[in-house]
Amino acid sequence: MKEVEPRLLGAAEVAGRLGICRTRAYGIIRDLNGEMQTRGCKVIAGRVSNEIFEETYFKPKGDSRHDR
């Protein structure tokens, strides 16, 4: 059975994906939750949208290429 990617990430998931400590991950979640609120989204403390996280940390901006 195919594993479904979670919609909300906690500090452990953020820390694991970025290779950082959980304390730093909570700071990142707090920053991303602030961004989500400015977009008009509801937030849950200690959780961040996987979509916003992926867009912020892994999606290239504009036409720049990151695979060089």
PDB file of N, CA and C in Angstrom:
ATOM      1  N   MET A   1       0.840  -1.185   0.000  1.00  0.00           N
ATOM      2  CA  MET A   1       0.000   0.000   0.000  1.00  0.00           C
ATOM      3  C   MET A   1       0.883   1.246   0.000  1.00  0.00           C
ATOM      4  N   LYS A   2       0.519   2.235  -0.794  1.00  0.00           N
ATOM      5  CA  LYS A   2       1.296   3.470  -0.921  1.00  0.00           C
ATOM      6  C   LYS A   2       1.128   4.334   0.322  1.00  0.00           C
ATOM      7  N   GLU A   3       2.258   4.852   0.837  1.00  0.00           N
ATOM      8  CA  GLU A   3       2.221   5.706   2.014  1.00  0.00           C
ATOM      9  C   GLU A   3       1.817   7.119   1.617  1.00  0.00           C
ATOM     10  N   VAL A   4       0.885   7.701   2.356  1.00  0.00           N
ATOM     11  CA  VAL A   4       0.384   9.046   2.078  1.00  0.00           C
ATOM     12  C   VAL A   4       1.239  10.055   2.830  1.00  0.00           C
ATOM     13  N   GLU A   5       1.628  11.117   2.140  1.00  0.00           N
ATOM     14  CA  GLU A   5       2.416  12.179   2.756  1.00  0.00           C
ATOM     15  C   GLU A   5       1.505  13.012   3.664  1.00  0.00           C
ATOM     16  N   PRO A   6       1.951  13.318   4.889  1.00  0.00           N
ATOM     17  CA  PRO A   6       1.097  14.077   5.812  1.00  0.00           C
ATOM     18  C   PRO A   6       0.869  15.509   5.332  1.00  0.00           C
ATOM     19  N   ARG A   7      -0.322  16.039   5.632  1.00  0.00           N
ATOM     20  CA  ARG A   7      -0.632  17.421   5.260  1.00  0.00           C
ATOM     21  C   ARG A   7       0.013  18.411   6.218  1.00  0.00           C
ATOM     22  N   LEU A   8       0.144  18.026   7.491  1.00  0.00           N
ATOM     23  CA  LEU A   8       0.760  18.892   8.496  1.00  0.00           C
ATOM     24  C   LEU A   8       1.998  18.209   9.052  1.00  0.00           C
ATOM     25  N   LEU A   9       3.068  18.974   9.178  1.00  0.00           N
ATOM     26  CA  LEU A   9       4.322  18.450   9.699  1.00  0.00           C
ATOM     27  C   LEU A   9       4.568  19.002  11.098  1.00  0.00           C
ATOM     28  N   GLY A  10       5.130  18.170  11.961  1.00  0.00           N
ATOM     29  CA  GLY A  10       5.535  18.593  13.291  1.00  0.00           C
ATOM     30  C   GLY A  10       7.025  18.890  13.305  1.00  0.00           C
ATOM     31  N   ALA A  11       7.526  19.242  14.479  1.00  0.00           N
ATOM     32  CA  ALA A  11       8.938  19.607  14.610  1.00  0.00           C
ATOM     33  C   ALA A  11       9.866  18.441  14.268  1.00  0.00           C
ATOM     34  N   ALA A  12       9.502  17.233  14.627  1.00  0.00           N
ATOM     35  CA  ALA A  12      10.358  16.079  14.341  1.00  0.00           C
ATOM     36  C   ALA A  12      10.508  15.871  12.836  1.00  0.00           C
ATOM     37  N   GLU A  13       9.401  16.012  12.088  1.00  0.00           N
ATOM     38  CA  GLU A  13       9.458  15.849  10.631  1.00  0.00           C
ATOM     39  C   GLU A  13      10.268  16.966   9.970  1.00  0.00           C
ATOM     40  N   VAL A  14      10.045  18.199  10.406  1.00  0.00           N
ATOM     41  CA  VAL A  14      10.790  19.339   9.847  1.00  0.00           C
ATOM     42  C   VAL A  14      12.281  19.173  10.146  1.00  0.00           C
ATOM     43  N   ALA A  15      12.610  18.812  11.384  1.00  0.00           N
ATOM     44  CA  ALA A  15      14.005  18.625  11.771  1.00  0.00           C
ATOM     45  C   ALA A  15      14.662  17.529  10.943  1.00  0.00           C
ATOM     46  N   GLY A  16      13.974  16.429  10.755  1.00  0.00           N
ATOM     47  CA  GLY A  16      14.517  15.323   9.977  1.00  0.00           C
ATOM     48  C   GLY A  16      14.739  15.677   8.524  1.00  0.00           C
ATOM     49  N   ARG A  17      13.814  16.400   7.927  1.00  0.00           N
ATOM     50  CA  ARG A  17      13.924  16.738   6.506  1.00  0.00           C
ATOM     51  C   ARG A  17      14.985  17.783   6.241  1.00  0.00           C
ATOM     52  N   LEU A  18      15.250  18.670   7.211  1.00  0.00           N
ATOM     53  CA  LEU A  18      16.256  19.710   7.023  1.00  0.00           C
ATOM     54  C   LEU A  18      17.591  19.374   7.691  1.00  0.00           C
ATOM     55  N   GLY A  19      17.625  18.307   8.497  1.00  0.00           N
ATOM     56  CA  GLY A  19      18.853  17.935   9.176  1.00  0.00           C
ATOM     57  C   GLY A  19      19.251  18.910  10.260  1.00  0.00           C
ATOM     58  N   ILE A  20      18.272  19.387  11.020  1.00  0.00           N
ATOM     59  CA  ILE A  20      18.509  20.360  12.083  1.00  0.00           C
ATOM     60  C   ILE A  20      17.944  19.826  13.395  1.00  0.00           C
ATOM     61  N   CYS A  21      18.188  20.536  14.499  1.00  0.00           N
ATOM     62  CA  CYS A  21      17.642  20.119  15.787  1.00  0.00           C
ATOM     63  C   CYS A  21      16.167  20.532  15.885  1.00  0.00           C
ATOM     64  N   ARG A  22      15.455  19.888  16.805  1.00  0.00           N
ATOM     65  CA  ARG A  22      14.022  20.177  16.957  1.00  0.00           C
ATOM     66  C   ARG A  22      13.769  21.599  17.444  1.00  0.00           C
ATOM     67  N   THR A  23      14.672  22.147  18.245  1.00  0.00           N
ATOM     68  CA  THR A  23      14.498  23.521  18.728  1.00  0.00           C
ATOM     69  C   THR A  23      14.458  24.492  17.552  1.00  0.00           C
ATOM     70  N   ARG A  24      15.377  24.341  16.619  1.00  0.00           N
ATOM     71  CA  ARG A  24      15.416  25.187  15.418  1.00  0.00           C
ATOM     72  C   ARG A  24      14.178  24.943  14.562  1.00  0.00           C
ATOM     73  N   ALA A  25      13.724  23.693  14.502  1.00  0.00           N
ATOM     74  CA  ALA A  25      12.539  23.350  13.710  1.00  0.00           C
ATOM     75  C   ALA A  25      11.297  24.081  14.239  1.00  0.00           C
ATOM     76  N   TYR A  26      11.186  24.191  15.566  1.00  0.00           N
ATOM     77  CA  TYR A  26      10.054  24.937  16.128  1.00  0.00           C
ATOM     78  C   TYR A  26      10.093  26.401  15.708  1.00  0.00           C
ATOM     79  N   GLY A  27      11.269  26.988  15.626  1.00  0.00           N
ATOM     80  CA  GLY A  27      11.398  28.367  15.153  1.00  0.00           C
ATOM     81  C   GLY A  27      10.962  28.504  13.700  1.00  0.00           C
ATOM     82  N   ILE A  28      11.335  27.544  12.882  1.00  0.00           N
ATOM     83  CA  ILE A  28      10.935  27.547  11.469  1.00  0.00           C
ATOM     84  C   ILE A  28       9.429  27.406  11.351  1.00  0.00           C
ATOM     85  N   ILE A  29       8.850  26.508  12.146  1.00  0.00           N
ATOM     86  CA  ILE A  29       7.395  26.327  12.124  1.00  0.00           C
ATOM     87  C   ILE A  29       6.698  27.619  12.526  1.00  0.00           C
ATOM     88  N   ARG A  30       7.216  28.296  13.545  1.00  0.00           N
ATOM     89  CA  ARG A  30       6.624  29.565  13.992  1.00  0.00           C
ATOM     90  C   ARG A  30       6.667  30.603  12.868  1.00  0.00           C
ATOM     91  N   ASP A  31       7.802  30.694  12.162  1.00  0.00           N
ATOM     92  CA  ASP A  31       7.932  31.638  11.046  1.00  0.00           C
ATOM     93  C   ASP A  31       6.961  31.298   9.913  1.00  0.00           C
ATOM     94  N   LEU A  32       6.888  30.011   9.564  1.00  0.00           N
ATOM     95  CA  LEU A  32       5.999  29.602   8.474  1.00  0.00           C
ATOM     96  C   LEU A  32       4.533  29.774   8.859  1.00  0.00           C
ATOM     97  N   ASN A  33       4.197  29.576  10.134  1.00  0.00           N
ATOM     98  CA  ASN A  33       2.824  29.813  10.580  1.00  0.00           C
ATOM     99  C   ASN A  33       2.460  31.291  10.448  1.00  0.00           C
ATOM    100  N   GLY A  34       3.420  32.171  10.724  1.00  0.00           N
ATOM    101  CA  GLY A  34       3.182  33.604  10.525  1.00  0.00           C
ATOM    102  C   GLY A  34       2.886  33.916   9.067  1.00  0.00           C
ATOM    103  N   GLU A  35       3.636  33.292   8.175  1.00  0.00           N
ATOM    104  CA  GLU A  35       3.398  33.476   6.741  1.00  0.00           C
ATOM    105  C   GLU A  35       2.027  32.941   6.341  1.00  0.00           C
ATOM    106  N   MET A  36       1.666  31.786   6.893  1.00  0.00           N
ATOM    107  CA  MET A  36       0.357  31.210   6.582  1.00  0.00           C
ATOM    108  C   MET A  36      -0.769  32.132   7.053  1.00  0.00           C
ATOM    109  N   GLN A  37      -0.604  32.755   8.213  1.00  0.00           N
ATOM    110  CA  GLN A  37      -1.626  33.669   8.726  1.00  0.00           C
ATOM    111  C   GLN A  37      -1.777  34.884   7.817  1.00  0.00           C
ATOM    112  N   THR A  38      -0.668  35.397   7.271  1.00  0.00           N
ATOM    113  CA  THR A  38      -0.770  36.546   6.370  1.00  0.00           C
ATOM    114  C   THR A  38      -1.484  36.162   5.077  1.00  0.00           C
ATOM    115  N   ARG A  39      -1.442  34.882   4.718  1.00  0.00           N
ATOM    116  CA  ARG A  39      -2.168  34.385   3.540  1.00  0.00           C
ATOM    117  C   ARG A  39      -3.632  34.102   3.841  1.00  0.00           C
ATOM    118  N   GLY A  40      -4.016  34.249   5.117  1.00  0.00           N
ATOM    119  CA  GLY A  40      -5.403  34.031   5.500  1.00  0.00           C
ATOM    120  C   GLY A  40      -5.714  32.602   5.919  1.00  0.00           C
ATOM    121  N   CYS A  41      -4.682  31.807   6.166  1.00  0.00           N
ATOM    122  CA  CYS A  41      -4.873  30.414   6.586  1.00  0.00           C
ATOM    123  C   CYS A  41      -4.985  30.326   8.099  1.00  0.00           C
ATOM    124  N   LYS A  42      -5.720  29.348   8.563  1.00  0.00           N
ATOM    125  CA  LYS A  42      -5.741  29.028   9.986  1.00  0.00           C
ATOM    126  C   LYS A  42      -4.498  28.205  10.280  1.00  0.00           C
ATOM    127  N   VAL A  43      -3.947  28.333  11.473  1.00  0.00           N
ATOM    128  CA  VAL A  43      -2.738  27.590  11.832  1.00  0.00           C
ATOM    129  C   VAL A  43      -2.959  26.822  13.125  1.00  0.00           C
ATOM    130  N   ILE A  44      -2.162  25.789  13.301  1.00  0.00           N
ATOM    131  CA  ILE A  44      -2.125  25.013  14.532  1.00  0.00           C
ATOM    132  C   ILE A  44      -0.712  25.139  15.077  1.00  0.00           C
ATOM    133  N   ALA A  45      -0.585  25.603  16.308  1.00  0.00           N
ATOM    134  CA  ALA A  45       0.737  25.784  16.913  1.00  0.00           C
ATOM    135  C   ALA A  45       1.496  24.460  16.903  1.00  0.00           C
ATOM    136  N   GLY A  46       2.759  24.513  16.492  1.00  0.00           N
ATOM    137  CA  GLY A  46       3.599  23.327  16.472  1.00  0.00           C
ATOM    138  C   GLY A  46       3.453  22.472  15.222  1.00  0.00           C
ATOM    139  N   ARG A  47       2.625  22.902  14.288  1.00  0.00           N
ATOM    140  CA  ARG A  47       2.428  22.187  13.023  1.00  0.00           C
ATOM    141  C   ARG A  47       2.506  23.182  11.879  1.00  0.00           C
ATOM    142  N   VAL A  48       2.960  22.691  10.724  1.00  0.00           N
ATOM    143  CA  VAL A  48       3.040  23.542   9.549  1.00  0.00           C
ATOM    144  C   VAL A  48       2.536  22.750   8.341  1.00  0.00           C
ATOM    145  N   SER A  49       1.930  23.439   7.418  1.00  0.00           N
ATOM    146  CA  SER A  49       1.455  22.818   6.192  1.00  0.00           C
ATOM    147  C   SER A  49       2.627  22.267   5.388  1.00  0.00           C
ATOM    148  N   ASN A  50       2.510  21.023   4.970  1.00  0.00           N
ATOM    149  CA  ASN A  50       3.554  20.411   4.146  1.00  0.00           C
ATOM    150  C   ASN A  50       3.724  21.188   2.845  1.00  0.00           C
ATOM    151  N   GLU A  51       2.639  21.675   2.290  1.00  0.00           N
ATOM    152  CA  GLU A  51       2.681  22.434   1.031  1.00  0.00           C
ATOM    153  C   GLU A  51       3.507  23.716   1.182  1.00  0.00           C
ATOM    154  N   ILE A  52       3.261  24.472   2.252  1.00  0.00           N
ATOM    155  CA  ILE A  52       4.006  25.712   2.503  1.00  0.00           C
ATOM    156  C   ILE A  52       5.471  25.399   2.783  1.00  0.00           C
ATOM    157  N   PHE A  53       5.731  24.354   3.560  1.00  0.00           N
ATOM    158  CA  PHE A  53       7.102  23.947   3.871  1.00  0.00           C
ATOM    159  C   PHE A  53       7.862  23.590   2.597  1.00  0.00           C
ATOM    160  N   GLU A  54       7.275  22.774   1.745  1.00  0.00           N
ATOM    161  CA  GLU A  54       7.914  22.369   0.487  1.00  0.00           C
ATOM    162  C   GLU A  54       8.172  23.583  -0.405  1.00  0.00           C
ATOM    163  N   GLU A  55       7.185  24.461  -0.508  1.00  0.00           N
ATOM    164  CA  GLU A  55       7.313  25.656  -1.343  1.00  0.00           C
ATOM    165  C   GLU A  55       8.448  26.555  -0.859  1.00  0.00           C
ATOM    166  N   THR A  56       8.566  26.700   0.453  1.00  0.00           N
ATOM    167  CA  THR A  56       9.564  27.591   1.021  1.00  0.00           C
ATOM    168  C   THR A  56      10.978  27.030   0.924  1.00  0.00           C
ATOM    169  N   TYR A  57      11.150  25.748   1.178  1.00  0.00           N
ATOM    170  CA  TYR A  57      12.496  25.186   1.275  1.00  0.00           C
ATOM    171  C   TYR A  57      12.964  24.389   0.071  1.00  0.00           C
ATOM    172  N   PHE A  58      12.068  23.915  -0.775  1.00  0.00           N
ATOM    173  CA  PHE A  58      12.507  23.023  -1.841  1.00  0.00           C
ATOM    174  C   PHE A  58      12.093  23.422  -3.247  1.00  0.00           C
ATOM    175  N   LYS A  59      11.204  24.378  -3.392  1.00  0.00           N
ATOM    176  CA  LYS A  59      10.764  24.787  -4.718  1.00  0.00           C
ATOM    177  C   LYS A  59      11.609  25.961  -5.187  1.00  0.00           C
ATOM    178  N   PRO A  60      12.258  25.831  -6.355  1.00  0.00           N
ATOM    179  CA  PRO A  60      13.073  26.944  -6.851  1.00  0.00           C
ATOM    180  C   PRO A  60      12.205  28.161  -7.180  1.00  0.00           C
ATOM    181  N   LYS A  61      12.721  29.331  -6.895  1.00  0.00           N
ATOM    182  CA  LYS A  61      12.028  30.586  -7.206  1.00  0.00           C
ATOM    183  C   LYS A  61      12.336  31.010  -8.629  1.00  0.00           C
ATOM    184  N   GLY A  62      11.345  31.448  -9.363  1.00  0.00           N
ATOM    185  CA  GLY A  62      11.542  31.957 -10.716  1.00  0.00           C
ATOM    186  C   GLY A  62      12.112  30.910 -11.651  1.00  0.00           C
ATOM    187  N   ASP A  63      12.999  31.336 -12.542  1.00  0.00           N
ATOM    188  CA  ASP A  63      13.581  30.441 -13.536  1.00  0.00           C
ATOM    189  C   ASP A  63      14.969  29.950 -13.146  1.00  0.00           C
ATOM    190  N   SER A  64      15.428  30.258 -11.939  1.00  0.00           N
ATOM    191  CA  SER A  64      16.766  29.835 -11.561  1.00  0.00           C
ATOM    192  C   SER A  64      16.825  28.321 -11.426  1.00  0.00           C
ATOM    193  N   ARG A  65      17.983  27.759 -11.790  1.00  0.00           N
ATOM    194  CA  ARG A  65      18.162  26.320 -11.734  1.00  0.00           C
ATOM    195  C   ARG A  65      19.083  25.980 -10.575  1.00  0.00           C
ATOM    196  N   HIS A  66      18.636  25.062  -9.723  1.00  0.00           N
ATOM    197  CA  HIS A  66      19.410  24.672  -8.566  1.00  0.00           C
ATOM    198  C   HIS A  66      20.149  23.364  -8.754  1.00  0.00           C
ATOM    199  N   ASP A  67      20.092  22.773  -9.943  1.00  0.00           N
ATOM    200  CA  ASP A  67      20.725  21.476 -10.160  1.00  0.00           C
ATOM    201  C   ASP A  67      22.062  21.582 -10.874  1.00  0.00           C
ATOM    202  N   ARG A  68      22.638  22.744 -10.917  1.00  0.00           N
ATOM    203  CA  ARG A  68      23.938  22.916 -11.604  1.00  0.00           C
ATOM    204  C   ARG A  68      25.073  22.452 -10.750  1.00  0.00           C
TER     205      ARG A  68
END
